[in-house]
Amino acid sequence: MAFDPKDAEFLLARAEFRRFLFAAIQSAGILGHTVSASTAPSRDLAHLEGRRALGFDLLMLVHAGQSEAVRSADPDGITTLGLSLTEALNCKENQRDTRRPRDRARYDELPRDG
């Protein structure tokens, strides 16, 4: 059964799914491997490449939900990858409140002319 592009479009419109897609892409190792070819875990390179291939397959399935103009201009799915990265980086849970509380007590010692 083929994945319907309408389903991909529906999923891609959801911020929660875009965050899930980023987590899947990150765990697949598309953005970078954690082992080098000269270490003991290098024996598992075939396994790691299989995970990357599955990550790319997921990315391309979701990329089918993009508009025709985006798909034709970007056949590799970089736009969808960027969309998931942007969603993960701009998630409300990741953002700190950088506002400083106002401490009005520090002005108590100033003379008041008035």
PDB file of N, CA and C in Angstrom:
ATOM      1  N   MET A   1       0.842  -1.172   0.000  1.00  0.00           N
ATOM      2  CA  MET A   1       0.000   0.000   0.000  1.00  0.00           C
ATOM      3  C   MET A   1       0.892   1.241   0.000  1.00  0.00           C
ATOM      4  N   ALA A   2       0.692   2.100  -0.936  1.00  0.00           N
ATOM      5  CA  ALA A   2       1.484   3.320  -1.065  1.00  0.00           C
ATOM      6  C   ALA A   2       0.986   4.370  -0.067  1.00  0.00           C
ATOM      7  N   PHE A   3       1.894   5.197   0.363  1.00  0.00           N
ATOM      8  CA  PHE A   3       1.563   6.281   1.294  1.00  0.00           C
ATOM      9  C   PHE A   3       0.958   7.423   0.504  1.00  0.00           C
ATOM     10  N   ASP A   4      -0.232   7.846   0.905  1.00  0.00           N
ATOM     11  CA  ASP A   4      -0.961   8.894   0.204  1.00  0.00           C
ATOM     12  C   ASP A   4      -0.334  10.263   0.488  1.00  0.00           C
ATOM     13  N   PRO A   5      -0.025  11.046  -0.549  1.00  0.00           N
ATOM     14  CA  PRO A   5       0.521  12.392  -0.321  1.00  0.00           C
ATOM     15  C   PRO A   5      -0.397  13.283   0.507  1.00  0.00           C
ATOM     16  N   LYS A   6      -1.698  13.043   0.470  1.00  0.00           N
ATOM     17  CA  LYS A   6      -2.628  13.825   1.292  1.00  0.00           C
ATOM     18  C   LYS A   6      -2.390  13.554   2.778  1.00  0.00           C
ATOM     19  N   ASP A   7      -2.065  12.289   3.104  1.00  0.00           N
ATOM     20  CA  ASP A   7      -1.736  11.962   4.493  1.00  0.00           C
ATOM     21  C   ASP A   7      -0.453  12.672   4.920  1.00  0.00           C
ATOM     22  N   ALA A   8       0.526  12.693   4.038  1.00  0.00           N
ATOM     23  CA  ALA A   8       1.785  13.382   4.336  1.00  0.00           C
ATOM     24  C   ALA A   8       1.547  14.882   4.505  1.00  0.00           C
ATOM     25  N   GLU A   9       0.680  15.436   3.689  1.00  0.00           N
ATOM     26  CA  GLU A   9       0.360  16.861   3.802  1.00  0.00           C
ATOM     27  C   GLU A   9      -0.317  17.155   5.140  1.00  0.00           C
ATOM     28  N   PHE A  10      -1.229  16.272   5.547  1.00  0.00           N
ATOM     29  CA  PHE A  10      -1.914  16.417   6.829  1.00  0.00           C
ATOM     30  C   PHE A  10      -0.914  16.369   7.982  1.00  0.00           C
ATOM     31  N   LEU A  11      -0.011  15.389   7.944  1.00  0.00           N
ATOM     32  CA  LEU A  11       0.978  15.241   9.005  1.00  0.00           C
ATOM     33  C   LEU A  11       1.957  16.407   9.036  1.00  0.00           C
ATOM     34  N   LEU A  12       2.372  16.849   7.873  1.00  0.00           N
ATOM     35  CA  LEU A  12       3.346  17.928   7.780  1.00  0.00           C
ATOM     36  C   LEU A  12       2.800  19.248   8.308  1.00  0.00           C
ATOM     37  N   ALA A  13       1.496  19.384   8.313  1.00  0.00           N
ATOM     38  CA  ALA A  13       0.871  20.610   8.830  1.00  0.00           C
ATOM     39  C   ALA A  13       0.860  20.653  10.354  1.00  0.00           C
ATOM     40  N   ARG A  14       1.201  19.550  11.018  1.00  0.00           N
ATOM     41  CA  ARG A  14       1.170  19.466  12.474  1.00  0.00           C
ATOM     42  C   ARG A  14       2.561  19.694  13.058  1.00  0.00           C
ATOM     43  N   ALA A  15       2.658  20.634  13.984  1.00  0.00           N
ATOM     44  CA  ALA A  15       3.942  20.936  14.630  1.00  0.00           C
ATOM     45  C   ALA A  15       4.468  19.721  15.400  1.00  0.00           C
ATOM     46  N   GLU A  16       3.570  18.968  16.009  1.00  0.00           N
ATOM     47  CA  GLU A  16       3.988  17.791  16.775  1.00  0.00           C
ATOM     48  C   GLU A  16       4.648  16.766  15.864  1.00  0.00           C
ATOM     49  N   PHE A  17       4.085  16.588  14.678  1.00  0.00           N
ATOM     50  CA  PHE A  17       4.687  15.628  13.752  1.00  0.00           C
ATOM     51  C   PHE A  17       6.038  16.120  13.246  1.00  0.00           C
ATOM     52  N   ARG A  18       6.160  17.420  13.003  1.00  0.00           N
ATOM     53  CA  ARG A  18       7.450  17.938  12.547  1.00  0.00           C
ATOM     54  C   ARG A  18       8.519  17.742  13.610  1.00  0.00           C
ATOM     55  N   ARG A  19       8.156  17.873  14.889  1.00  0.00           N
ATOM     56  CA  ARG A  19       9.115  17.599  15.959  1.00  0.00           C
ATOM     57  C   ARG A  19       9.447  16.112  16.005  1.00  0.00           C
ATOM     58  N   PHE A  20       8.443  15.245  15.793  1.00  0.00           N
ATOM     59  CA  PHE A  20       8.688  13.811  15.724  1.00  0.00           C
ATOM     60  C   PHE A  20       9.623  13.486  14.558  1.00  0.00           C
ATOM     61  N   LEU A  21       9.392  14.101  13.424  1.00  0.00           N
ATOM     62  CA  LEU A  21      10.227  13.865  12.251  1.00  0.00           C
ATOM     63  C   LEU A  21      11.669  14.260  12.533  1.00  0.00           C
ATOM     64  N   PHE A  22      11.868  15.378  13.208  1.00  0.00           N
ATOM     65  CA  PHE A  22      13.227  15.787  13.561  1.00  0.00           C
ATOM     66  C   PHE A  22      13.882  14.750  14.470  1.00  0.00           C
ATOM     67  N   ALA A  23      13.143  14.256  15.466  1.00  0.00           N
ATOM     68  CA  ALA A  23      13.700  13.249  16.370  1.00  0.00           C
ATOM     69  C   ALA A  23      14.050  11.968  15.617  1.00  0.00           C
ATOM     70  N   ALA A  24      13.190  11.574  14.671  1.00  0.00           N
ATOM     71  CA  ALA A  24      13.464  10.374  13.876  1.00  0.00           C
ATOM     72  C   ALA A  24      14.686  10.568  12.989  1.00  0.00           C
ATOM     73  N   ILE A  25      14.803  11.725  12.381  1.00  0.00           N
ATOM     74  CA  ILE A  25      15.946  12.021  11.518  1.00  0.00           C
ATOM     75  C   ILE A  25      17.227  12.071  12.337  1.00  0.00           C
ATOM     76  N   GLN A  26      17.151  12.662  13.502  1.00  0.00           N
ATOM     77  CA  GLN A  26      18.326  12.766  14.356  1.00  0.00           C
ATOM     78  C   GLN A  26      18.767  11.387  14.845  1.00  0.00           C
ATOM     79  N   SER A  27      17.825  10.541  15.240  1.00  0.00           N
ATOM     80  CA  SER A  27      18.201   9.214  15.719  1.00  0.00           C
ATOM     81  C   SER A  27      18.646   8.299  14.588  1.00  0.00           C
ATOM     82  N   ALA A  28      18.234   8.624  13.352  1.00  0.00           N
ATOM     83  CA  ALA A  28      18.669   7.817  12.206  1.00  0.00           C
ATOM     84  C   ALA A  28      20.107   8.119  11.809  1.00  0.00           C
ATOM     85  N   GLY A  29      20.643   9.220  12.289  1.00  0.00           N
ATOM     86  CA  GLY A  29      22.026   9.549  11.974  1.00  0.00           C
ATOM     87  C   GLY A  29      22.204  10.303  10.675  1.00  0.00           C
ATOM     88  N   ILE A  30      21.153  10.901  10.171  1.00  0.00           N
ATOM     89  CA  ILE A  30      21.264  11.663   8.926  1.00  0.00           C
ATOM     90  C   ILE A  30      22.122  12.899   9.131  1.00  0.00           C
ATOM     91  N   LEU A  31      21.979  13.524  10.283  1.00  0.00           N
ATOM     92  CA  LEU A  31      22.698  14.772  10.534  1.00  0.00           C
ATOM     93  C   LEU A  31      24.128  14.540  11.002  1.00  0.00           C
ATOM     94  N   GLY A  32      24.487  13.315  11.306  1.00  0.00           N
ATOM     95  CA  GLY A  32      25.853  13.009  11.707  1.00  0.00           C
ATOM     96  C   GLY A  32      25.922  11.726  12.504  1.00  0.00           C
ATOM     97  N   HIS A  33      26.982  10.965  12.285  1.00  0.00           N
ATOM     98  CA  HIS A  33      27.201   9.728  13.033  1.00  0.00           C
ATOM     99  C   HIS A  33      27.972  10.025  14.300  1.00  0.00           C
ATOM    100  N   THR A  34      27.832   9.150  15.278  1.00  0.00           N
ATOM    101  CA  THR A  34      28.552   9.314  16.531  1.00  0.00           C
ATOM    102  C   THR A  34      29.763   8.400  16.622  1.00  0.00           C
ATOM    103  N   VAL A  35      30.016   7.577  15.615  1.00  0.00           N
ATOM    104  CA  VAL A  35      31.180   6.693  15.629  1.00  0.00           C
ATOM    105  C   VAL A  35      32.040   6.989  14.411  1.00  0.00           C
ATOM    106  N   SER A  36      33.306   6.673  14.549  1.00  0.00           N
ATOM    107  CA  SER A  36      34.204   6.817  13.408  1.00  0.00           C
ATOM    108  C   SER A  36      34.524   5.433  12.868  1.00  0.00           C
ATOM    109  N   ALA A  37      35.112   5.376  11.717  1.00  0.00           N
ATOM    110  CA  ALA A  37      35.415   4.098  11.074  1.00  0.00           C
ATOM    111  C   ALA A  37      36.571   3.381  11.746  1.00  0.00           C
ATOM    112  N   SER A  38      37.296   4.043  12.639  1.00  0.00           N
ATOM    113  CA  SER A  38      38.463   3.419  13.257  1.00  0.00           C
ATOM    114  C   SER A  38      38.192   2.894  14.667  1.00  0.00           C
ATOM    115  N   THR A  39      36.955   2.891  15.115  1.00  0.00           N
ATOM    116  CA  THR A  39      36.632   2.418  16.456  1.00  0.00           C
ATOM    117  C   THR A  39      35.983   1.044  16.393  1.00  0.00           C
ATOM    118  N   ALA A  40      35.866   0.417  17.560  1.00  0.00           N
ATOM    119  CA  ALA A  40      35.261  -0.914  17.621  1.00  0.00           C
ATOM    120  C   ALA A  40      33.825  -0.937  17.095  1.00  0.00           C
ATOM    121  N   PRO A  41      32.997   0.067  17.396  1.00  0.00           N
ATOM    122  CA  PRO A  41      31.628   0.038  16.854  1.00  0.00           C
ATOM    123  C   PRO A  41      31.577   0.187  15.334  1.00  0.00           C
ATOM    124  N   SER A  42      32.726   0.388  14.695  1.00  0.00           N
ATOM    125  CA  SER A  42      32.701   0.522  13.234  1.00  0.00           C
ATOM    126  C   SER A  42      32.247  -0.751  12.553  1.00  0.00           C
ATOM    127  N   ARG A  43      32.276  -1.861  13.282  1.00  0.00           N
ATOM    128  CA  ARG A  43      31.769  -3.112  12.708  1.00  0.00           C
ATOM    129  C   ARG A  43      30.280  -3.026  12.430  1.00  0.00           C
ATOM    130  N   ASP A  44      29.626  -2.081  13.076  1.00  0.00           N
ATOM    131  CA  ASP A  44      28.186  -1.903  12.902  1.00  0.00           C
ATOM    132  C   ASP A  44      27.850  -0.866  11.849  1.00  0.00           C
ATOM    133  N   LEU A  45      28.795  -0.544  10.969  1.00  0.00           N
ATOM    134  CA  LEU A  45      28.548   0.491   9.967  1.00  0.00           C
ATOM    135  C   LEU A  45      27.398   0.125   9.037  1.00  0.00           C
ATOM    136  N   ALA A  46      27.250  -1.162   8.726  1.00  0.00           N
ATOM    137  CA  ALA A  46      26.131  -1.568   7.875  1.00  0.00           C
ATOM    138  C   ALA A  46      24.802  -1.282   8.572  1.00  0.00           C
ATOM    139  N   HIS A  47      24.755  -1.539   9.868  1.00  0.00           N
ATOM    140  CA  HIS A  47      23.545  -1.243  10.637  1.00  0.00           C
ATOM    141  C   HIS A  47      23.270   0.260  10.641  1.00  0.00           C
ATOM    142  N   LEU A  48      24.318   1.060  10.863  1.00  0.00           N
ATOM    143  CA  LEU A  48      24.152   2.511  10.879  1.00  0.00           C
ATOM    144  C   LEU A  48      23.711   3.037   9.523  1.00  0.00           C
ATOM    145  N   GLU A  49      24.248   2.497   8.461  1.00  0.00           N
ATOM    146  CA  GLU A  49      23.837   2.922   7.118  1.00  0.00           C
ATOM    147  C   GLU A  49      22.401   2.523   6.832  1.00  0.00           C
ATOM    148  N   GLY A  50      21.976   1.384   7.371  1.00  0.00           N
ATOM    149  CA  GLY A  50      20.574   0.985   7.232  1.00  0.00           C
ATOM    150  C   GLY A  50      19.639   1.948   7.948  1.00  0.00           C
ATOM    151  N   ARG A  51      20.064   2.402   9.127  1.00  0.00           N
ATOM    152  CA  ARG A  51      19.261   3.387   9.861  1.00  0.00           C
ATOM    153  C   ARG A  51      19.181   4.688   9.083  1.00  0.00           C
ATOM    154  N   ARG A  52      20.301   5.108   8.508  1.00  0.00           N
ATOM    155  CA  ARG A  52      20.298   6.344   7.720  1.00  0.00           C
ATOM    156  C   ARG A  52      19.372   6.205   6.514  1.00  0.00           C
ATOM    157  N   ALA A  53      19.442   5.051   5.855  1.00  0.00           N
ATOM    158  CA  ALA A  53      18.581   4.827   4.690  1.00  0.00           C
ATOM    159  C   ALA A  53      17.109   4.899   5.086  1.00  0.00           C
ATOM    160  N   LEU A  54      16.770   4.319   6.238  1.00  0.00           N
ATOM    161  CA  LEU A  54      15.383   4.385   6.707  1.00  0.00           C
ATOM    162  C   LEU A  54      14.997   5.829   7.030  1.00  0.00           C
ATOM    163  N   GLY A  55      15.921   6.582   7.606  1.00  0.00           N
ATOM    164  CA  GLY A  55      15.663   7.991   7.891  1.00  0.00           C
ATOM    165  C   GLY A  55      15.391   8.772   6.622  1.00  0.00           C
ATOM    166  N   PHE A  56      16.185   8.510   5.581  1.00  0.00           N
ATOM    167  CA  PHE A  56      15.956   9.188   4.295  1.00  0.00           C
ATOM    168  C   PHE A  56      14.627   8.758   3.684  1.00  0.00           C
ATOM    169  N   ASP A  57      14.270   7.490   3.845  1.00  0.00           N
ATOM    170  CA  ASP A  57      12.972   7.028   3.336  1.00  0.00           C
ATOM    171  C   ASP A  57      11.824   7.754   4.032  1.00  0.00           C
ATOM    172  N   LEU A  58      11.914   7.903   5.360  1.00  0.00           N
ATOM    173  CA  LEU A  58      10.882   8.646   6.094  1.00  0.00           C
ATOM    174  C   LEU A  58      10.806  10.085   5.614  1.00  0.00           C
ATOM    175  N   LEU A  59      11.970  10.689   5.431  1.00  0.00           N
ATOM    176  CA  LEU A  59      12.011  12.076   4.973  1.00  0.00           C
ATOM    177  C   LEU A  59      11.339  12.216   3.612  1.00  0.00           C
ATOM    178  N   MET A  60      11.598  11.300   2.709  1.00  0.00           N
ATOM    179  CA  MET A  60      11.014  11.387   1.371  1.00  0.00           C
ATOM    180  C   MET A  60       9.516  11.096   1.376  1.00  0.00           C
ATOM    181  N   LEU A  61       9.067  10.194   2.276  1.00  0.00           N
ATOM    182  CA  LEU A  61       7.627   9.954   2.400  1.00  0.00           C
ATOM    183  C   LEU A  61       6.905  11.224   2.844  1.00  0.00           C
ATOM    184  N   VAL A  62       7.481  11.913   3.808  1.00  0.00           N
ATOM    185  CA  VAL A  62       6.865  13.149   4.305  1.00  0.00           C
ATOM    186  C   VAL A  62       7.000  14.263   3.271  1.00  0.00           C
ATOM    187  N   HIS A  63       8.108  14.275   2.558  1.00  0.00           N
ATOM    188  CA  HIS A  63       8.336  15.306   1.540  1.00  0.00           C
ATOM    189  C   HIS A  63       7.268  15.251   0.440  1.00  0.00           C
ATOM    190  N   ALA A  64       6.639  14.096   0.285  1.00  0.00           N
ATOM    191  CA  ALA A  64       5.560  13.966  -0.696  1.00  0.00           C
ATOM    192  C   ALA A  64       4.368  14.849  -0.339  1.00  0.00           C
ATOM    193  N   GLY A  65       4.288  15.302   0.923  1.00  0.00           N
ATOM    194  CA  GLY A  65       3.207  16.177   1.336  1.00  0.00           C
ATOM    195  C   GLY A  65       3.437  17.642   1.005  1.00  0.00           C
ATOM    196  N   GLN A  66       4.609  17.969   0.505  1.00  0.00           N
ATOM    197  CA  GLN A  66       4.887  19.346   0.094  1.00  0.00           C
ATOM    198  C   GLN A  66       4.161  19.644  -1.221  1.00  0.00           C
ATOM    199  N   SER A  67       4.038  20.909  -1.530  1.00  0.00           N
ATOM    200  CA  SER A  67       3.375  21.277  -2.782  1.00  0.00           C
ATOM    201  C   SER A  67       4.223  20.832  -3.981  1.00  0.00           C
ATOM    202  N   GLU A  68       3.603  20.756  -5.116  1.00  0.00           N
ATOM    203  CA  GLU A  68       4.295  20.326  -6.334  1.00  0.00           C
ATOM    204  C   GLU A  68       5.474  21.247  -6.656  1.00  0.00           C
ATOM    205  N   ALA A  69       5.305  22.539  -6.438  1.00  0.00           N
ATOM    206  CA  ALA A  69       6.384  23.492  -6.716  1.00  0.00           C
ATOM    207  C   ALA A  69       7.596  23.220  -5.835  1.00  0.00           C
ATOM    208  N   VAL A  70       7.362  22.917  -4.569  1.00  0.00           N
ATOM    209  CA  VAL A  70       8.474  22.629  -3.651  1.00  0.00           C
ATOM    210  C   VAL A  70       9.133  21.310  -4.019  1.00  0.00           C
ATOM    211  N   ARG A  71       8.333  20.291  -4.308  1.00  0.00           N
ATOM    212  CA  ARG A  71       8.897  18.983  -4.674  1.00  0.00           C
ATOM    213  C   ARG A  71       9.707  19.047  -5.947  1.00  0.00           C
ATOM    214  N   SER A  72       9.261  19.830  -6.930  1.00  0.00           N
ATOM    215  CA  SER A  72      10.013  19.892  -8.185  1.00  0.00           C
ATOM    216  C   SER A  72      11.289  20.713  -8.026  1.00  0.00           C
ATOM    217  N   ALA A  73      11.270  21.739  -7.175  1.00  0.00           N
ATOM    218  CA  ALA A  73      12.466  22.553  -6.958  1.00  0.00           C
ATOM    219  C   ALA A  73      13.450  21.871  -6.011  1.00  0.00           C
ATOM    220  N   ASP A  74      12.964  20.973  -5.166  1.00  0.00           N
ATOM    221  CA  ASP A  74      13.796  20.313  -4.167  1.00  0.00           C
ATOM    222  C   ASP A  74      13.507  18.815  -4.150  1.00  0.00           C
ATOM    223  N   PRO A  75      14.058  18.054  -5.079  1.00  0.00           N
ATOM    224  CA  PRO A  75      13.754  16.624  -5.130  1.00  0.00           C
ATOM    225  C   PRO A  75      14.400  15.820  -3.999  1.00  0.00           C
ATOM    226  N   ASP A  76      15.356  16.406  -3.277  1.00  0.00           N
ATOM    227  CA  ASP A  76      16.063  15.668  -2.232  1.00  0.00           C
ATOM    228  C   ASP A  76      15.443  15.817  -0.847  1.00  0.00           C
ATOM    229  N   GLY A  77      14.438  16.653  -0.681  1.00  0.00           N
ATOM    230  CA  GLY A  77      13.757  16.786   0.593  1.00  0.00           C
ATOM    231  C   GLY A  77      14.435  17.700   1.594  1.00  0.00           C
ATOM    232  N   ILE A  78      15.351  18.537   1.129  1.00  0.00           N
ATOM    233  CA  ILE A  78      16.054  19.441   2.038  1.00  0.00           C
ATOM    234  C   ILE A  78      15.080  20.439   2.671  1.00  0.00           C
ATOM    235  N   THR A  79      14.067  20.856   1.932  1.00  0.00           N
ATOM    236  CA  THR A  79      13.069  21.789   2.462  1.00  0.00           C
ATOM    237  C   THR A  79      12.333  21.168   3.639  1.00  0.00           C
ATOM    238  N   THR A  80      11.949  19.917   3.526  1.00  0.00           N
ATOM    239  CA  THR A  80      11.244  19.231   4.603  1.00  0.00           C
ATOM    240  C   THR A  80      12.166  19.016   5.792  1.00  0.00           C
ATOM    241  N   LEU A  81      13.412  18.698   5.529  1.00  0.00           N
ATOM    242  CA  LEU A  81      14.398  18.567   6.599  1.00  0.00           C
ATOM    243  C   LEU A  81      14.552  19.894   7.338  1.00  0.00           C
ATOM    244  N   GLY A  82      14.651  20.978   6.588  1.00  0.00           N
ATOM    245  CA  GLY A  82      14.758  22.300   7.191  1.00  0.00           C
ATOM    246  C   GLY A  82      13.524  22.669   7.993  1.00  0.00           C
ATOM    247  N   LEU A  83      12.366  22.262   7.504  1.00  0.00           N
ATOM    248  CA  LEU A  83      11.109  22.528   8.215  1.00  0.00           C
ATOM    249  C   LEU A  83      11.093  21.818   9.563  1.00  0.00           C
ATOM    250  N   SER A  84      11.549  20.579   9.591  1.00  0.00           N
ATOM    251  CA  SER A  84      11.576  19.845  10.862  1.00  0.00           C
ATOM    252  C   SER A  84      12.629  20.419  11.803  1.00  0.00           C
ATOM    253  N   LEU A  85      13.765  20.842  11.269  1.00  0.00           N
ATOM    254  CA  LEU A  85      14.799  21.471  12.101  1.00  0.00           C
ATOM    255  C   LEU A  85      14.286  22.762  12.715  1.00  0.00           C
ATOM    256  N   THR A  86      13.643  23.586  11.908  1.00  0.00           N
ATOM    257  CA  THR A  86      13.105  24.857  12.386  1.00  0.00           C
ATOM    258  C   THR A  86      12.077  24.632  13.483  1.00  0.00           C
ATOM    259  N   GLU A  87      11.213  23.661  13.294  1.00  0.00           N
ATOM    260  CA  GLU A  87      10.185  23.371  14.305  1.00  0.00           C
ATOM    261  C   GLU A  87      10.818  22.907  15.604  1.00  0.00           C
ATOM    262  N   ALA A  88      11.817  22.056  15.513  1.00  0.00           N
ATOM    263  CA  ALA A  88      12.468  21.550  16.724  1.00  0.00           C
ATOM    264  C   ALA A  88      13.222  22.658  17.457  1.00  0.00           C
ATOM    265  N   LEU A  89      13.856  23.540  16.714  1.00  0.00           N
ATOM    266  CA  LEU A  89      14.628  24.606  17.340  1.00  0.00           C
ATOM    267  C   LEU A  89      13.751  25.713  17.908  1.00  0.00           C
ATOM    268  N   ASN A  90      12.588  25.929  17.322  1.00  0.00           N
ATOM    269  CA  ASN A  90      11.699  27.001  17.763  1.00  0.00           C
ATOM    270  C   ASN A  90      10.575  26.517  18.658  1.00  0.00           C
ATOM    271  N   CYS A  91      10.676  25.299  19.132  1.00  0.00           N
ATOM    272  CA  CYS A  91       9.642  24.729  20.000  1.00  0.00           C
ATOM    273  C   CYS A  91       9.543  25.544  21.283  1.00  0.00           C
ATOM    274  N   LYS A  92       8.330  25.820  21.736  1.00  0.00           N
ATOM    275  CA  LYS A  92       8.106  26.614  22.946  1.00  0.00           C
ATOM    276  C   LYS A  92       8.777  25.979  24.162  1.00  0.00           C
ATOM    277  N   GLU A  93       8.842  24.648  24.210  1.00  0.00           N
ATOM    278  CA  GLU A  93       9.451  23.968  25.346  1.00  0.00           C
ATOM    279  C   GLU A  93      10.949  24.239  25.422  1.00  0.00           C
ATOM    280  N   ASN A  94      11.588  24.505  24.277  1.00  0.00           N
ATOM    281  CA  ASN A  94      13.026  24.731  24.240  1.00  0.00           C
ATOM    282  C   ASN A  94      13.406  26.171  24.543  1.00  0.00           C
ATOM    283  N   GLN A  95      12.459  27.069  24.469  1.00  0.00           N
ATOM    284  CA  GLN A  95      12.774  28.478  24.642  1.00  0.00           C
ATOM    285  C   GLN A  95      12.720  28.855  26.115  1.00  0.00           C
ATOM    286  N   ARG A  96      13.753  29.536  26.547  1.00  0.00           N
ATOM    287  CA  ARG A  96      13.808  30.017  27.920  1.00  0.00           C
ATOM    288  C   ARG A  96      13.160  31.398  27.998  1.00  0.00           C
ATOM    289  N   ASP A  97      12.667  31.713  29.159  1.00  0.00           N
ATOM    290  CA  ASP A  97      12.150  33.053  29.387  1.00  0.00           C
ATOM    291  C   ASP A  97      13.341  33.917  29.776  1.00  0.00           C
ATOM    292  N   THR A  98      13.763  34.800  28.879  1.00  0.00           N
ATOM    293  CA  THR A  98      14.962  35.598  29.107  1.00  0.00           C
ATOM    294  C   THR A  98      14.647  36.950  29.737  1.00  0.00           C
ATOM    295  N   ARG A  99      13.389  37.202  30.009  1.00  0.00           N
ATOM    296  CA  ARG A  99      13.036  38.468  30.645  1.00  0.00           C
ATOM    297  C   ARG A  99      13.497  38.454  32.095  1.00  0.00           C
ATOM    298  N   ARG A 100      14.075  39.556  32.512  1.00  0.00           N
ATOM    299  CA  ARG A 100      14.513  39.683  33.895  1.00  0.00           C
ATOM    300  C   ARG A 100      13.384  40.284  34.716  1.00  0.00           C
ATOM    301  N   PRO A 101      13.215  39.786  35.922  1.00  0.00           N
ATOM    302  CA  PRO A 101      12.170  40.388  36.770  1.00  0.00           C
ATOM    303  C   PRO A 101      12.592  41.792  37.182  1.00  0.00           C
ATOM    304  N   ARG A 102      11.630  42.652  37.273  1.00  0.00           N
ATOM    305  CA  ARG A 102      11.907  44.038  37.668  1.00  0.00           C
ATOM    306  C   ARG A 102      12.080  44.095  39.178  1.00  0.00           C
ATOM    307  N   ASP A 103      13.202  44.629  39.593  1.00  0.00           N
ATOM    308  CA  ASP A 103      13.472  44.799  41.014  1.00  0.00           C
ATOM    309  C   ASP A 103      13.365  46.284  41.332  1.00  0.00           C
ATOM    310  N   ARG A 104      12.219  46.688  41.763  1.00  0.00           N
ATOM    311  CA  ARG A 104      11.984  48.101  42.042  1.00  0.00           C
ATOM    312  C   ARG A 104      12.546  48.512  43.401  1.00  0.00           C
ATOM    313  N   ALA A 105      12.894  47.565  44.234  1.00  0.00           N
ATOM    314  CA  ALA A 105      13.420  47.886  45.554  1.00  0.00           C
ATOM    315  C   ALA A 105      14.775  48.593  45.455  1.00  0.00           C
ATOM    316  N   ARG A 106      15.508  48.411  44.417  1.00  0.00           N
ATOM    317  CA  ARG A 106      16.821  49.035  44.305  1.00  0.00           C
ATOM    318  C   ARG A 106      16.725  50.554  44.170  1.00  0.00           C
ATOM    319  N   TYR A 107      15.545  51.061  43.855  1.00  0.00           N
ATOM    320  CA  TYR A 107      15.360  52.506  43.729  1.00  0.00           C
ATOM    321  C   TYR A 107      14.874  53.147  45.037  1.00  0.00           C
ATOM    322  N   ASP A 108      14.655  52.335  46.067  1.00  0.00           N
ATOM    323  CA  ASP A 108      14.109  52.865  47.322  1.00  0.00           C
ATOM    324  C   ASP A 108      15.036  53.868  48.000  1.00  0.00           C
ATOM    325  N   GLU A 109      16.328  53.709  47.825  1.00  0.00           N
ATOM    326  CA  GLU A 109      17.278  54.585  48.513  1.00  0.00           C
ATOM    327  C   GLU A 109      17.511  55.910  47.770  1.00  0.00           C
ATOM    328  N   LEU A 110      17.017  56.070  46.591  1.00  0.00           N
ATOM    329  CA  LEU A 110      17.202  57.300  45.838  1.00  0.00           C
ATOM    330  C   LEU A 110      16.320  58.406  46.422  1.00  0.00           C
ATOM    331  N   PRO A 111      16.869  59.598  46.475  1.00  0.00           N
ATOM    332  CA  PRO A 111      16.028  60.706  46.979  1.00  0.00           C
ATOM    333  C   PRO A 111      14.917  61.031  45.989  1.00  0.00           C
ATOM    334  N   ARG A 112      13.786  61.353  46.524  1.00  0.00           N
ATOM    335  CA  ARG A 112      12.639  61.667  45.678  1.00  0.00           C
ATOM    336  C   ARG A 112      12.389  63.167  45.788  1.00  0.00           C
ATOM    337  N   ASP A 113      12.573  63.837  44.685  1.00  0.00           N
ATOM    338  CA  ASP A 113      12.274  65.284  44.628  1.00  0.00           C
ATOM    339  C   ASP A 113      10.906  65.448  44.003  1.00  0.00           C
ATOM    340  N   GLY A 114      10.139  66.189  44.639  1.00  0.00           N
ATOM    341  CA  GLY A 114       8.933  66.264  43.963  1.00  0.00           C
ATOM    342  C   GLY A 114       7.892  67.139  44.260  1.00  0.00           C
TER     343      GLY A 114
END
